[in-house]
PDB file of N, CA and C in Angstrom:
ATOM      1  N   UNK A   1     -27.196 -10.552 -38.499  1.00  0.00           N
ATOM      2  CA  UNK A   1     -25.920  -9.884 -38.454  1.00  0.00           C
ATOM      3  C   UNK A   1     -26.031  -8.632 -37.590  1.00  0.00           C
ATOM      4  N   UNK A   2     -25.097  -8.443 -36.711  1.00  0.00           N
ATOM      5  CA  UNK A   2     -25.122  -7.308 -35.799  1.00  0.00           C
ATOM      6  C   UNK A   2     -24.709  -6.026 -36.512  1.00  0.00           C
ATOM      7  N   UNK A   3     -25.393  -4.959 -36.148  1.00  0.00           N
ATOM      8  CA  UNK A   3     -25.037  -3.649 -36.714  1.00  0.00           C
ATOM      9  C   UNK A   3     -24.137  -2.871 -35.765  1.00  0.00           C
ATOM     10  N   UNK A   4     -23.816  -3.484 -34.633  1.00  0.00           N
ATOM     11  CA  UNK A   4     -22.953  -2.827 -33.655  1.00  0.00           C
ATOM     12  C   UNK A   4     -21.541  -2.703 -34.214  1.00  0.00           C
ATOM     13  N   UNK A   5     -20.977  -1.516 -34.079  1.00  0.00           N
ATOM     14  CA  UNK A   5     -19.618  -1.289 -34.581  1.00  0.00           C
ATOM     15  C   UNK A   5     -18.593  -1.827 -33.597  1.00  0.00           C
ATOM     16  N   UNK A   6     -17.552  -2.383 -34.126  1.00  0.00           N
ATOM     17  CA  UNK A   6     -16.449  -2.843 -33.292  1.00  0.00           C
ATOM     18  C   UNK A   6     -15.653  -1.638 -32.815  1.00  0.00           C
ATOM     19  N   UNK A   7     -15.063  -1.724 -31.620  1.00  0.00           N
ATOM     20  CA  UNK A   7     -14.259  -0.600 -31.138  1.00  0.00           C
ATOM     21  C   UNK A   7     -13.027  -0.401 -32.018  1.00  0.00           C
ATOM     22  N   UNK A   8     -12.585   0.826 -32.084  1.00  0.00           N
ATOM     23  CA  UNK A   8     -11.397   1.129 -32.883  1.00  0.00           C
ATOM     24  C   UNK A   8     -10.149   0.582 -32.203  1.00  0.00           C
ATOM     25  N   UNK A   9      -9.103   0.414 -32.985  1.00  0.00           N
ATOM     26  CA  UNK A   9      -7.826  -0.035 -32.435  1.00  0.00           C
ATOM     27  C   UNK A   9      -7.330   0.937 -31.376  1.00  0.00           C
ATOM     28  N   UNK A  10      -7.476   2.231 -31.629  1.00  0.00           N
ATOM     29  CA  UNK A  10      -7.034   3.233 -30.653  1.00  0.00           C
ATOM     30  C   UNK A  10      -7.801   3.119 -29.342  1.00  0.00           C
ATOM     31  N   UNK A  11      -9.113   2.897 -29.413  1.00  0.00           N
ATOM     32  CA  UNK A  11      -9.886   2.790 -28.171  1.00  0.00           C
ATOM     33  C   UNK A  11      -9.532   1.509 -27.421  1.00  0.00           C
ATOM     34  N   UNK A  12      -9.229   0.437 -28.158  1.00  0.00           N
ATOM     35  CA  UNK A  12      -8.793  -0.803 -27.504  1.00  0.00           C
ATOM     36  C   UNK A  12      -7.449  -0.616 -26.817  1.00  0.00           C
ATOM     37  N   UNK A  13      -6.539   0.087 -27.465  1.00  0.00           N
ATOM     38  CA  UNK A  13      -5.230   0.359 -26.850  1.00  0.00           C
ATOM     39  C   UNK A  13      -5.391   1.223 -25.602  1.00  0.00           C
ATOM     40  N   UNK A  14      -6.254   2.217 -25.672  1.00  0.00           N
ATOM     41  CA  UNK A  14      -6.487   3.086 -24.517  1.00  0.00           C
ATOM     42  C   UNK A  14      -7.074   2.290 -23.351  1.00  0.00           C
ATOM     43  N   UNK A  15      -8.006   1.403 -23.650  1.00  0.00           N
ATOM     44  CA  UNK A  15      -8.609   0.572 -22.606  1.00  0.00           C
ATOM     45  C   UNK A  15      -7.575  -0.369 -22.003  1.00  0.00           C
ATOM     46  N   UNK A  16      -6.725  -0.942 -22.828  1.00  0.00           N
ATOM     47  CA  UNK A  16      -5.658  -1.824 -22.327  1.00  0.00           C
ATOM     48  C   UNK A  16      -4.720  -1.054 -21.418  1.00  0.00           C
ATOM     49  N   UNK A  17      -4.317   0.147 -21.821  1.00  0.00           N
ATOM     50  CA  UNK A  17      -3.426   0.971 -20.997  1.00  0.00           C
ATOM     51  C   UNK A  17      -4.091   1.315 -19.665  1.00  0.00           C
ATOM     52  N   UNK A  18      -5.383   1.629 -19.698  1.00  0.00           N
ATOM     53  CA  UNK A  18      -6.107   1.948 -18.464  1.00  0.00           C
ATOM     54  C   UNK A  18      -6.118   0.744 -17.525  1.00  0.00           C
ATOM     55  N   UNK A  19      -6.401  -0.432 -18.078  1.00  0.00           N
ATOM     56  CA  UNK A  19      -6.448  -1.640 -17.245  1.00  0.00           C
ATOM     57  C   UNK A  19      -5.073  -1.998 -16.694  1.00  0.00           C
ATOM     58  N   UNK A  20      -4.041  -1.847 -17.505  1.00  0.00           N
ATOM     59  CA  UNK A  20      -2.690  -2.114 -17.003  1.00  0.00           C
ATOM     60  C   UNK A  20      -2.329  -1.137 -15.900  1.00  0.00           C
ATOM     61  N   UNK A  21      -2.762   0.098 -16.033  1.00  0.00           N
ATOM     62  CA  UNK A  21      -2.532   1.086 -14.984  1.00  0.00           C
ATOM     63  C   UNK A  21      -3.192   0.686 -13.678  1.00  0.00           C
ATOM     64  N   UNK A  22      -4.389   0.130 -13.761  1.00  0.00           N
ATOM     65  CA  UNK A  22      -5.068  -0.351 -12.563  1.00  0.00           C
ATOM     66  C   UNK A  22      -4.304  -1.508 -11.933  1.00  0.00           C
ATOM     67  N   UNK A  23      -3.739  -2.377 -12.753  1.00  0.00           N
ATOM     68  CA  UNK A  23      -2.982  -3.510 -12.220  1.00  0.00           C
ATOM     69  C   UNK A  23      -1.771  -3.069 -11.425  1.00  0.00           C
ATOM     70  N   UNK A  24      -1.172  -1.955 -11.780  1.00  0.00           N
ATOM     71  CA  UNK A  24      -0.004  -1.468 -11.047  1.00  0.00           C
ATOM     72  C   UNK A  24      -0.330  -1.275  -9.568  1.00  0.00           C
ATOM     73  N   UNK A  25      -1.588  -1.042  -9.269  1.00  0.00           N
ATOM     74  CA  UNK A  25      -1.965  -0.765  -7.893  1.00  0.00           C
ATOM     75  C   UNK A  25      -2.481  -1.993  -7.156  1.00  0.00           C
ATOM     76  N   UNK A  26      -2.723  -3.080  -7.861  1.00  0.00           N
ATOM     77  CA  UNK A  26      -3.263  -4.243  -7.157  1.00  0.00           C
ATOM     78  C   UNK A  26      -2.463  -5.516  -7.401  1.00  0.00           C
ATOM     79  N   UNK A  27      -1.729  -5.607  -8.443  1.00  0.00           N
ATOM     80  CA  UNK A  27      -0.947  -6.797  -8.692  1.00  0.00           C
ATOM     81  C   UNK A  27      -0.866  -7.120 -10.164  1.00  0.00           C
ATOM     82  N   UNK A  28      -0.058  -8.103 -10.461  1.00  0.00           N
ATOM     83  CA  UNK A  28       0.136  -8.469 -11.859  1.00  0.00           C
ATOM     84  C   UNK A  28       0.609  -9.913 -11.939  1.00  0.00           C
ATOM     85  N   UNK A  29       0.529 -10.444 -13.133  1.00  0.00           N
ATOM     86  CA  UNK A  29       1.028 -11.780 -13.441  1.00  0.00           C
ATOM     87  C   UNK A  29       2.010 -11.668 -14.594  1.00  0.00           C
ATOM     88  N   UNK A  30       3.048 -12.465 -14.549  1.00  0.00           N
ATOM     89  CA  UNK A  30       3.918 -12.663 -15.702  1.00  0.00           C
ATOM     90  C   UNK A  30       3.787 -14.129 -16.075  1.00  0.00           C
ATOM     91  N   UNK A  31       3.630 -14.385 -17.353  1.00  0.00           N
ATOM     92  CA  UNK A  31       3.492 -15.754 -17.832  1.00  0.00           C
ATOM     93  C   UNK A  31       4.567 -16.061 -18.859  1.00  0.00           C
ATOM     94  N   UNK A  32       5.052 -17.298 -18.852  1.00  0.00           N
ATOM     95  CA  UNK A  32       5.983 -17.781 -19.870  1.00  0.00           C
ATOM     96  C   UNK A  32       5.214 -18.763 -20.748  1.00  0.00           C
ATOM     97  N   UNK A  33       5.396 -18.627 -22.039  1.00  0.00           N
ATOM     98  CA  UNK A  33       4.652 -19.450 -22.996  1.00  0.00           C
ATOM     99  C   UNK A  33       5.579 -20.342 -23.810  1.00  0.00           C
ATOM    100  N   UNK A  34       5.057 -21.489 -24.183  1.00  0.00           N
ATOM    101  CA  UNK A  34       5.648 -22.342 -25.200  1.00  0.00           C
ATOM    102  C   UNK A  34       4.592 -22.404 -26.294  1.00  0.00           C
ATOM    103  N   UNK A  35       4.800 -21.638 -27.336  1.00  0.00           N
ATOM    104  CA  UNK A  35       3.757 -21.502 -28.348  1.00  0.00           C
ATOM    105  C   UNK A  35       2.575 -20.768 -27.753  1.00  0.00           C
ATOM    106  N   UNK A  36       1.401 -21.376 -27.818  1.00  0.00           N
ATOM    107  CA  UNK A  36       0.189 -20.750 -27.284  1.00  0.00           C
ATOM    108  C   UNK A  36      -0.129 -21.207 -25.863  1.00  0.00           C
ATOM    109  N   UNK A  37       0.704 -22.078 -25.290  1.00  0.00           N
ATOM    110  CA  UNK A  37       0.425 -22.625 -23.957  1.00  0.00           C
ATOM    111  C   UNK A  37       1.269 -21.956 -22.888  1.00  0.00           C
ATOM    112  N   UNK A  38       0.607 -21.502 -21.824  1.00  0.00           N
ATOM    113  CA  UNK A  38       1.334 -20.971 -20.670  1.00  0.00           C
ATOM    114  C   UNK A  38       1.991 -22.140 -19.948  1.00  0.00           C
ATOM    115  N   UNK A  39       3.286 -22.026 -19.669  1.00  0.00           N
ATOM    116  CA  UNK A  39       4.010 -23.116 -19.020  1.00  0.00           C
ATOM    117  C   UNK A  39       4.510 -22.742 -17.633  1.00  0.00           C
ATOM    118  N   UNK A  40       4.521 -21.455 -17.317  1.00  0.00           N
ATOM    119  CA  UNK A  40       4.959 -21.005 -15.998  1.00  0.00           C
ATOM    120  C   UNK A  40       4.391 -19.619 -15.756  1.00  0.00           C
ATOM    121  N   UNK A  41       4.271 -19.279 -14.480  1.00  0.00           N
ATOM    122  CA  UNK A  41       3.758 -17.955 -14.160  1.00  0.00           C
ATOM    123  C   UNK A  41       4.154 -17.523 -12.766  1.00  0.00           C
ATOM    124  N   UNK A  42       4.107 -16.224 -12.565  1.00  0.00           N
ATOM    125  CA  UNK A  42       4.390 -15.647 -11.259  1.00  0.00           C
ATOM    126  C   UNK A  42       3.389 -14.519 -11.027  1.00  0.00           C
ATOM    127  N   UNK A  43       2.892 -14.419  -9.808  1.00  0.00           N
ATOM    128  CA  UNK A  43       2.034 -13.292  -9.455  1.00  0.00           C
ATOM    129  C   UNK A  43       2.750 -12.473  -8.392  1.00  0.00           C
ATOM    130  N   UNK A  44       2.521 -11.177  -8.446  1.00  0.00           N
ATOM    131  CA  UNK A  44       3.188 -10.279  -7.507  1.00  0.00           C
ATOM    132  C   UNK A  44       2.373  -9.005  -7.383  1.00  0.00           C
ATOM    133  N   UNK A  45       2.631  -8.273  -6.314  1.00  0.00           N
ATOM    134  CA  UNK A  45       1.964  -6.990  -6.136  1.00  0.00           C
ATOM    135  C   UNK A  45       2.857  -6.073  -5.323  1.00  0.00           C
ATOM    136  N   UNK A  46       2.549  -4.813  -5.397  1.00  0.00           N
ATOM    137  CA  UNK A  46       3.300  -3.821  -4.644  1.00  0.00           C
ATOM    138  C   UNK A  46       2.418  -3.294  -3.526  1.00  0.00           C
ATOM    139  N   UNK A  47       3.004  -3.160  -2.361  1.00  0.00           N
ATOM    140  CA  UNK A  47       2.318  -2.566  -1.215  1.00  0.00           C
ATOM    141  C   UNK A  47       3.287  -1.586  -0.579  1.00  0.00           C
ATOM    142  N   UNK A  48       3.031  -0.319  -0.758  1.00  0.00           N
ATOM    143  CA  UNK A  48       3.944   0.691  -0.238  1.00  0.00           C
ATOM    144  C   UNK A  48       5.283   0.605  -0.931  1.00  0.00           C
ATOM    145  N   UNK A  49       6.346   0.476  -0.137  1.00  0.00           N
ATOM    146  CA  UNK A  49       7.698   0.429  -0.692  1.00  0.00           C
ATOM    147  C   UNK A  49       8.164  -0.991  -0.982  1.00  0.00           C
ATOM    148  N   UNK A  50       7.297  -1.972  -0.774  1.00  0.00           N
ATOM    149  CA  UNK A  50       7.688  -3.369  -0.923  1.00  0.00           C
ATOM    150  C   UNK A  50       6.938  -4.056  -2.055  1.00  0.00           C
ATOM    151  N   UNK A  51       7.616  -5.016  -2.660  1.00  0.00           N
ATOM    152  CA  UNK A  51       6.987  -5.925  -3.619  1.00  0.00           C
ATOM    153  C   UNK A  51       6.773  -7.252  -2.903  1.00  0.00           C
ATOM    154  N   UNK A  52       5.692  -7.927  -3.225  1.00  0.00           N
ATOM    155  CA  UNK A  52       5.405  -9.245  -2.678  1.00  0.00           C
ATOM    156  C   UNK A  52       5.237 -10.217  -3.836  1.00  0.00           C
ATOM    157  N   UNK A  53       6.086 -11.219  -3.863  1.00  0.00           N
ATOM    158  CA  UNK A  53       6.018 -12.278  -4.870  1.00  0.00           C
ATOM    159  C   UNK A  53       5.289 -13.426  -4.178  1.00  0.00           C
ATOM    160  N   UNK A  54       4.039 -13.692  -4.580  1.00  0.00           N
ATOM    161  CA  UNK A  54       3.257 -14.624  -3.775  1.00  0.00           C
ATOM    162  C   UNK A  54       2.855 -15.922  -4.463  1.00  0.00           C
ATOM    163  N   UNK A  55       3.212 -16.115  -5.707  1.00  0.00           N
ATOM    164  CA  UNK A  55       2.890 -17.388  -6.356  1.00  0.00           C
ATOM    165  C   UNK A  55       3.835 -17.595  -7.531  1.00  0.00           C
ATOM    166  N   UNK A  56       4.463 -18.739  -7.563  1.00  0.00           N
ATOM    167  CA  UNK A  56       5.369 -19.095  -8.658  1.00  0.00           C
ATOM    168  C   UNK A  56       5.086 -20.545  -9.017  1.00  0.00           C
ATOM    169  N   UNK A  57       4.690 -20.777 -10.249  1.00  0.00           N
ATOM    170  CA  UNK A  57       4.352 -22.138 -10.680  1.00  0.00           C
ATOM    171  C   UNK A  57       4.955 -22.420 -12.049  1.00  0.00           C
ATOM    172  N   UNK A  58       5.326 -23.683 -12.249  1.00  0.00           N
ATOM    173  CA  UNK A  58       5.833 -24.147 -13.543  1.00  0.00           C
ATOM    174  C   UNK A  58       5.234 -25.522 -13.808  1.00  0.00           C
ATOM    175  N   UNK A  59       4.746 -25.733 -15.017  1.00  0.00           N
ATOM    176  CA  UNK A  59       4.233 -27.058 -15.377  1.00  0.00           C
ATOM    177  C   UNK A  59       5.368 -28.075 -15.287  1.00  0.00           C
ATOM    178  N   UNK A  60       5.036 -29.260 -14.815  1.00  0.00           N
ATOM    179  CA  UNK A  60       6.044 -30.287 -14.539  1.00  0.00           C
ATOM    180  C   UNK A  60       6.999 -30.529 -15.709  1.00  0.00           C
ATOM    181  N   UNK A  61       6.541 -30.699 -16.948  1.00  0.00           N
ATOM    182  CA  UNK A  61       7.496 -30.991 -18.029  1.00  0.00           C
ATOM    183  C   UNK A  61       8.488 -29.856 -18.311  1.00  0.00           C
ATOM    184  N   UNK A  62       8.220 -28.663 -17.783  1.00  0.00           N
ATOM    185  CA  UNK A  62       9.069 -27.508 -18.067  1.00  0.00           C
ATOM    186  C   UNK A  62       9.968 -27.128 -16.896  1.00  0.00           C
ATOM    187  N   UNK A  63       9.916 -27.879 -15.824  1.00  0.00           N
ATOM    188  CA  UNK A  63      10.742 -27.575 -14.651  1.00  0.00           C
ATOM    189  C   UNK A  63      12.202 -27.888 -14.928  1.00  0.00           C
ATOM    190  N   UNK A  64      13.083 -27.169 -14.245  1.00  0.00           N
ATOM    191  CA  UNK A  64      14.516 -27.392 -14.384  1.00  0.00           C
ATOM    192  C   UNK A  64      15.129 -26.753 -15.611  1.00  0.00           C
ATOM    193  N   UNK A  65      14.404 -25.893 -16.289  1.00  0.00           N
ATOM    194  CA  UNK A  65      14.907 -25.244 -17.510  1.00  0.00           C
ATOM    195  C   UNK A  65      15.243 -23.768 -17.305  1.00  0.00           C
ATOM    196  N   UNK A  66      15.077 -23.274 -16.078  1.00  0.00           N
ATOM    197  CA  UNK A  66      15.390 -21.873 -15.812  1.00  0.00           C
ATOM    198  C   UNK A  66      14.251 -20.904 -16.081  1.00  0.00           C
ATOM    199  N   UNK A  67      13.077 -21.425 -16.386  1.00  0.00           N
ATOM    200  CA  UNK A  67      11.946 -20.555 -16.712  1.00  0.00           C
ATOM    201  C   UNK A  67      11.477 -19.802 -15.473  1.00  0.00           C
ATOM    202  N   UNK A  68      11.310 -20.508 -14.359  1.00  0.00           N
ATOM    203  CA  UNK A  68      10.862 -19.855 -13.126  1.00  0.00           C
ATOM    204  C   UNK A  68      11.878 -18.810 -12.679  1.00  0.00           C
ATOM    205  N   UNK A  69      13.152 -19.131 -12.796  1.00  0.00           N
ATOM    206  CA  UNK A  69      14.195 -18.166 -12.407  1.00  0.00           C
ATOM    207  C   UNK A  69      14.111 -16.916 -13.273  1.00  0.00           C
ATOM    208  N   UNK A  70      13.859 -17.079 -14.564  1.00  0.00           N
ATOM    209  CA  UNK A  70      13.724 -15.920 -15.451  1.00  0.00           C
ATOM    210  C   UNK A  70      12.534 -15.055 -15.034  1.00  0.00           C
ATOM    211  N   UNK A  71      11.442 -15.680 -14.610  1.00  0.00           N
ATOM    212  CA  UNK A  71      10.285 -14.917 -14.144  1.00  0.00           C
ATOM    213  C   UNK A  71      10.606 -14.168 -12.854  1.00  0.00           C
ATOM    214  N   UNK A  72      11.280 -14.832 -11.916  1.00  0.00           N
ATOM    215  CA  UNK A  72      11.679 -14.163 -10.670  1.00  0.00           C
ATOM    216  C   UNK A  72      12.608 -12.996 -10.981  1.00  0.00           C
ATOM    217  N   UNK A  73      13.570 -13.212 -11.873  1.00  0.00           N
ATOM    218  CA  UNK A  73      14.485 -12.129 -12.256  1.00  0.00           C
ATOM    219  C   UNK A  73      13.729 -10.952 -12.868  1.00  0.00           C
ATOM    220  N   UNK A  74      12.682 -11.236 -13.638  1.00  0.00           N
ATOM    221  CA  UNK A  74      11.881 -10.162 -14.239  1.00  0.00           C
ATOM    222  C   UNK A  74      11.154  -9.359 -13.163  1.00  0.00           C
ATOM    223  N   UNK A  75      10.625 -10.042 -12.146  1.00  0.00           N
ATOM    224  CA  UNK A  75       9.971  -9.332 -11.038  1.00  0.00           C
ATOM    225  C   UNK A  75      10.996  -8.497 -10.278  1.00  0.00           C
ATOM    226  N   UNK A  76      12.176  -9.056 -10.033  1.00  0.00           N
ATOM    227  CA  UNK A  76      13.222  -8.305  -9.333  1.00  0.00           C
ATOM    228  C   UNK A  76      13.642  -7.076 -10.128  1.00  0.00           C
ATOM    229  N   UNK A  77      13.789  -7.220 -11.440  1.00  0.00           N
ATOM    230  CA  UNK A  77      14.165  -6.079 -12.283  1.00  0.00           C
ATOM    231  C   UNK A  77      13.089  -5.001 -12.238  1.00  0.00           C
ATOM    232  N   UNK A  78      11.838  -5.419 -12.304  1.00  0.00           N
ATOM    233  CA  UNK A  78      10.738  -4.443 -12.257  1.00  0.00           C
ATOM    234  C   UNK A  78      10.698  -3.737 -10.907  1.00  0.00           C
ATOM    235  N   UNK A  79      10.863  -4.500  -9.823  1.00  0.00           N
ATOM    236  CA  UNK A  79      10.821  -3.891  -8.493  1.00  0.00           C
ATOM    237  C   UNK A  79      11.972  -2.900  -8.320  1.00  0.00           C
ATOM    238  N   UNK A  80      13.141  -3.249  -8.817  1.00  0.00           N
ATOM    239  CA  UNK A  80      14.300  -2.353  -8.740  1.00  0.00           C
ATOM    240  C   UNK A  80      14.039  -1.083  -9.548  1.00  0.00           C
ATOM    241  N   UNK A  81      13.508  -1.248 -10.757  1.00  0.00           N
ATOM    242  CA  UNK A  81      13.236  -0.095 -11.623  1.00  0.00           C
ATOM    243  C   UNK A  81      12.198   0.840 -11.004  1.00  0.00           C
ATOM    244  N   UNK A  82      11.275   0.291 -10.225  1.00  0.00           N
ATOM    245  CA  UNK A  82      10.234   1.110  -9.610  1.00  0.00           C
ATOM    246  C   UNK A  82      10.608   1.595  -8.215  1.00  0.00           C
ATOM    247  N   UNK A  83      11.847   1.310  -7.784  1.00  0.00           N
ATOM    248  CA  UNK A  83      12.332   1.840  -6.515  1.00  0.00           C
ATOM    249  C   UNK A  83      11.845   1.126  -5.270  1.00  0.00           C
ATOM    250  N   UNK A  84      11.444  -0.127  -5.396  1.00  0.00           N
ATOM    251  CA  UNK A  84      10.995  -0.877  -4.221  1.00  0.00           C
ATOM    252  C   UNK A  84      12.142  -1.030  -3.231  1.00  0.00           C
ATOM    253  N   UNK A  85      11.811  -0.979  -1.945  1.00  0.00           N
ATOM    254  CA  UNK A  85      12.830  -1.144  -0.908  1.00  0.00           C
ATOM    255  C   UNK A  85      13.147  -2.609  -0.645  1.00  0.00           C
ATOM    256  N   UNK A  86      12.182  -3.478  -0.866  1.00  0.00           N
ATOM    257  CA  UNK A  86      12.421  -4.903  -0.652  1.00  0.00           C
ATOM    258  C   UNK A  86      11.432  -5.717  -1.475  1.00  0.00           C
ATOM    259  N   UNK A  87      11.781  -6.977  -1.653  1.00  0.00           N
ATOM    260  CA  UNK A  87      10.884  -7.937  -2.292  1.00  0.00           C
ATOM    261  C   UNK A  87      10.727  -9.086  -1.305  1.00  0.00           C
ATOM    262  N   UNK A  88       9.492  -9.389  -0.986  1.00  0.00           N
ATOM    263  CA  UNK A  88       9.183 -10.422  -0.001  1.00  0.00           C
ATOM    264  C   UNK A  88       8.546 -11.598  -0.729  1.00  0.00           C
ATOM    265  N   UNK A  89       8.970 -12.809  -0.373  1.00  0.00           N
ATOM    266  CA  UNK A  89       8.360 -14.001  -0.963  1.00  0.00           C
ATOM    267  C   UNK A  89       7.606 -14.765   0.117  1.00  0.00           C
ATOM    268  N   UNK A  90       6.552 -15.422  -0.293  1.00  0.00           N
ATOM    269  CA  UNK A  90       5.807 -16.297   0.601  1.00  0.00           C
ATOM    270  C   UNK A  90       6.572 -17.617   0.649  1.00  0.00           C
ATOM    271  N   UNK A  91       6.906 -18.106   1.839  1.00  0.00           N
ATOM    272  CA  UNK A  91       7.680 -19.342   1.926  1.00  0.00           C
ATOM    273  C   UNK A  91       6.990 -20.503   1.213  1.00  0.00           C
ATOM    274  N   UNK A  92       7.770 -21.215   0.435  1.00  0.00           N
ATOM    275  CA  UNK A  92       7.269 -22.381  -0.290  1.00  0.00           C
ATOM    276  C   UNK A  92       8.433 -23.344  -0.455  1.00  0.00           C
ATOM    277  N   UNK A  93       8.419 -24.464   0.262  1.00  0.00           N
ATOM    278  CA  UNK A  93       9.539 -25.403   0.185  1.00  0.00           C
ATOM    279  C   UNK A  93       9.866 -25.856  -1.231  1.00  0.00           C
ATOM    280  N   UNK A  94       8.873 -25.892  -2.112  1.00  0.00           N
ATOM    281  CA  UNK A  94       9.103 -26.363  -3.478  1.00  0.00           C
ATOM    282  C   UNK A  94      10.021 -25.438  -4.264  1.00  0.00           C
ATOM    283  N   UNK A  95      10.080 -24.169  -3.906  1.00  0.00           N
ATOM    284  CA  UNK A  95      10.910 -23.216  -4.662  1.00  0.00           C
ATOM    285  C   UNK A  95      11.928 -22.498  -3.782  1.00  0.00           C
ATOM    286  N   UNK A  96      12.141 -23.008  -2.585  1.00  0.00           N
ATOM    287  CA  UNK A  96      13.070 -22.376  -1.650  1.00  0.00           C
ATOM    288  C   UNK A  96      14.482 -22.249  -2.224  1.00  0.00           C
ATOM    289  N   UNK A  97      14.989 -23.310  -2.842  1.00  0.00           N
ATOM    290  CA  UNK A  97      16.345 -23.252  -3.424  1.00  0.00           C
ATOM    291  C   UNK A  97      16.437 -22.190  -4.504  1.00  0.00           C
ATOM    292  N   UNK A  98      15.419 -22.093  -5.337  1.00  0.00           N
ATOM    293  CA  UNK A  98      15.415 -21.085  -6.394  1.00  0.00           C
ATOM    294  C   UNK A  98      15.488 -19.686  -5.784  1.00  0.00           C
ATOM    295  N   UNK A  99      14.685 -19.434  -4.744  1.00  0.00           N
ATOM    296  CA  UNK A  99      14.713 -18.121  -4.103  1.00  0.00           C
ATOM    297  C   UNK A  99      16.090 -17.828  -3.512  1.00  0.00           C
ATOM    298  N   UNK A 100      16.706 -18.816  -2.875  1.00  0.00           N
ATOM    299  CA  UNK A 100      18.053 -18.609  -2.325  1.00  0.00           C
ATOM    300  C   UNK A 100      19.054 -18.290  -3.433  1.00  0.00           C
ATOM    301  N   UNK A 101      18.989 -19.022  -4.544  1.00  0.00           N
ATOM    302  CA  UNK A 101      19.912 -18.761  -5.658  1.00  0.00           C
ATOM    303  C   UNK A 101      19.680 -17.382  -6.266  1.00  0.00           C
ATOM    304  N   UNK A 102      18.449 -16.880  -6.155  1.00  0.00           N
ATOM    305  CA  UNK A 102      18.134 -15.546  -6.682  1.00  0.00           C
ATOM    306  C   UNK A 102      18.547 -14.441  -5.707  1.00  0.00           C
ATOM    307  N   UNK A 103      19.040 -14.833  -4.521  1.00  0.00           N
ATOM    308  CA  UNK A 103      19.542 -13.840  -3.574  1.00  0.00           C
ATOM    309  C   UNK A 103      18.644 -13.548  -2.386  1.00  0.00           C
ATOM    310  N   UNK A 104      17.530 -14.250  -2.259  1.00  0.00           N
ATOM    311  CA  UNK A 104      16.653 -14.024  -1.113  1.00  0.00           C
ATOM    312  C   UNK A 104      17.275 -14.612   0.146  1.00  0.00           C
ATOM    313  N   UNK A 105      17.016 -13.971   1.267  1.00  0.00           N
ATOM    314  CA  UNK A 105      17.534 -14.401   2.560  1.00  0.00           C
ATOM    315  C   UNK A 105      16.398 -14.931   3.419  1.00  0.00           C
ATOM    316  N   UNK A 106      16.731 -15.859   4.319  1.00  0.00           N
ATOM    317  CA  UNK A 106      15.740 -16.335   5.284  1.00  0.00           C
ATOM    318  C   UNK A 106      15.615 -15.280   6.373  1.00  0.00           C
ATOM    319  N   UNK A 107      14.454 -14.655   6.428  1.00  0.00           N
ATOM    320  CA  UNK A 107      14.228 -13.612   7.424  1.00  0.00           C
ATOM    321  C   UNK A 107      12.742 -13.610   7.758  1.00  0.00           C
ATOM    322  N   UNK A 108      12.428 -13.801   9.006  1.00  0.00           N
ATOM    323  CA  UNK A 108      11.030 -13.788   9.421  1.00  0.00           C
ATOM    324  C   UNK A 108      10.642 -12.348   9.697  1.00  0.00           C
ATOM    325  N   UNK A 109       9.657 -11.862   8.962  1.00  0.00           N
ATOM    326  CA  UNK A 109       9.204 -10.487   9.144  1.00  0.00           C
ATOM    327  C   UNK A 109       8.077 -10.410  10.166  1.00  0.00           C
ATOM    328  N   UNK A 110       7.203 -11.386  10.176  1.00  0.00           N
ATOM    329  CA  UNK A 110       6.130 -11.431  11.159  1.00  0.00           C
ATOM    330  C   UNK A 110       5.614 -12.852  11.241  1.00  0.00           C
ATOM    331  N   UNK A 111       5.051 -13.148  12.351  1.00  0.00           N
ATOM    332  CA  UNK A 111       4.468 -14.475  12.535  1.00  0.00           C
ATOM    333  C   UNK A 111       3.174 -14.284  13.321  1.00  0.00           C
ATOM    334  N   UNK A 112       2.102 -14.794  12.822  1.00  0.00           N
ATOM    335  CA  UNK A 112       0.796 -14.633  13.453  1.00  0.00           C
ATOM    336  C   UNK A 112       0.155 -16.004  13.583  1.00  0.00           C
ATOM    337  N   UNK A 113      -0.425 -16.278  14.726  1.00  0.00           N
ATOM    338  CA  UNK A 113      -1.101 -17.556  14.935  1.00  0.00           C
ATOM    339  C   UNK A 113      -2.541 -17.300  15.356  1.00  0.00           C
ATOM    340  N   UNK A 114      -3.411 -18.166  14.920  1.00  0.00           N
ATOM    341  CA  UNK A 114      -4.819 -18.074  15.275  1.00  0.00           C
ATOM    342  C   UNK A 114      -5.262 -19.402  15.865  1.00  0.00           C
ATOM    343  N   UNK A 115      -6.038 -19.329  16.926  1.00  0.00           N
ATOM    344  CA  UNK A 115      -6.599 -20.549  17.492  1.00  0.00           C
ATOM    345  C   UNK A 115      -7.960 -20.763  16.855  1.00  0.00           C
ATOM    346  N   UNK A 116      -8.142 -21.923  16.271  1.00  0.00           N
ATOM    347  CA  UNK A 116      -9.409 -22.247  15.625  1.00  0.00           C
ATOM    348  C   UNK A 116     -10.332 -22.941  16.612  1.00  0.00           C
ATOM    349  N   UNK A 117     -11.609 -22.653  16.494  1.00  0.00           N
ATOM    350  CA  UNK A 117     -12.597 -23.380  17.289  1.00  0.00           C
ATOM    351  C   UNK A 117     -13.013 -22.742  18.535  1.00  0.00           C
TER     352      UNK A 117
END
């Protein structure tokens, strides 16, 4: 049996707050659950005055229920609350209609090509 003491609830809360604070500067995930199972998620990060929504996924049996839209709306609400000037999405044909319905516009910000070989 270990004699090591478990951390206090207060120290665990402080550590969680510290880690969440670090995430504000590098990115975050929002997950939607059905019971204990994650069924959809979105990843995003802030860079300067802009938010970047770079991954949106939903498990097949849960598609078409508005879960992904709720996650996008949550990212938009957070970006608005934090004063972001824009939210940029990575083009993905699988969710293009959802982004349009959420108010995103087709706008090319930059295009870069690399020659391989």
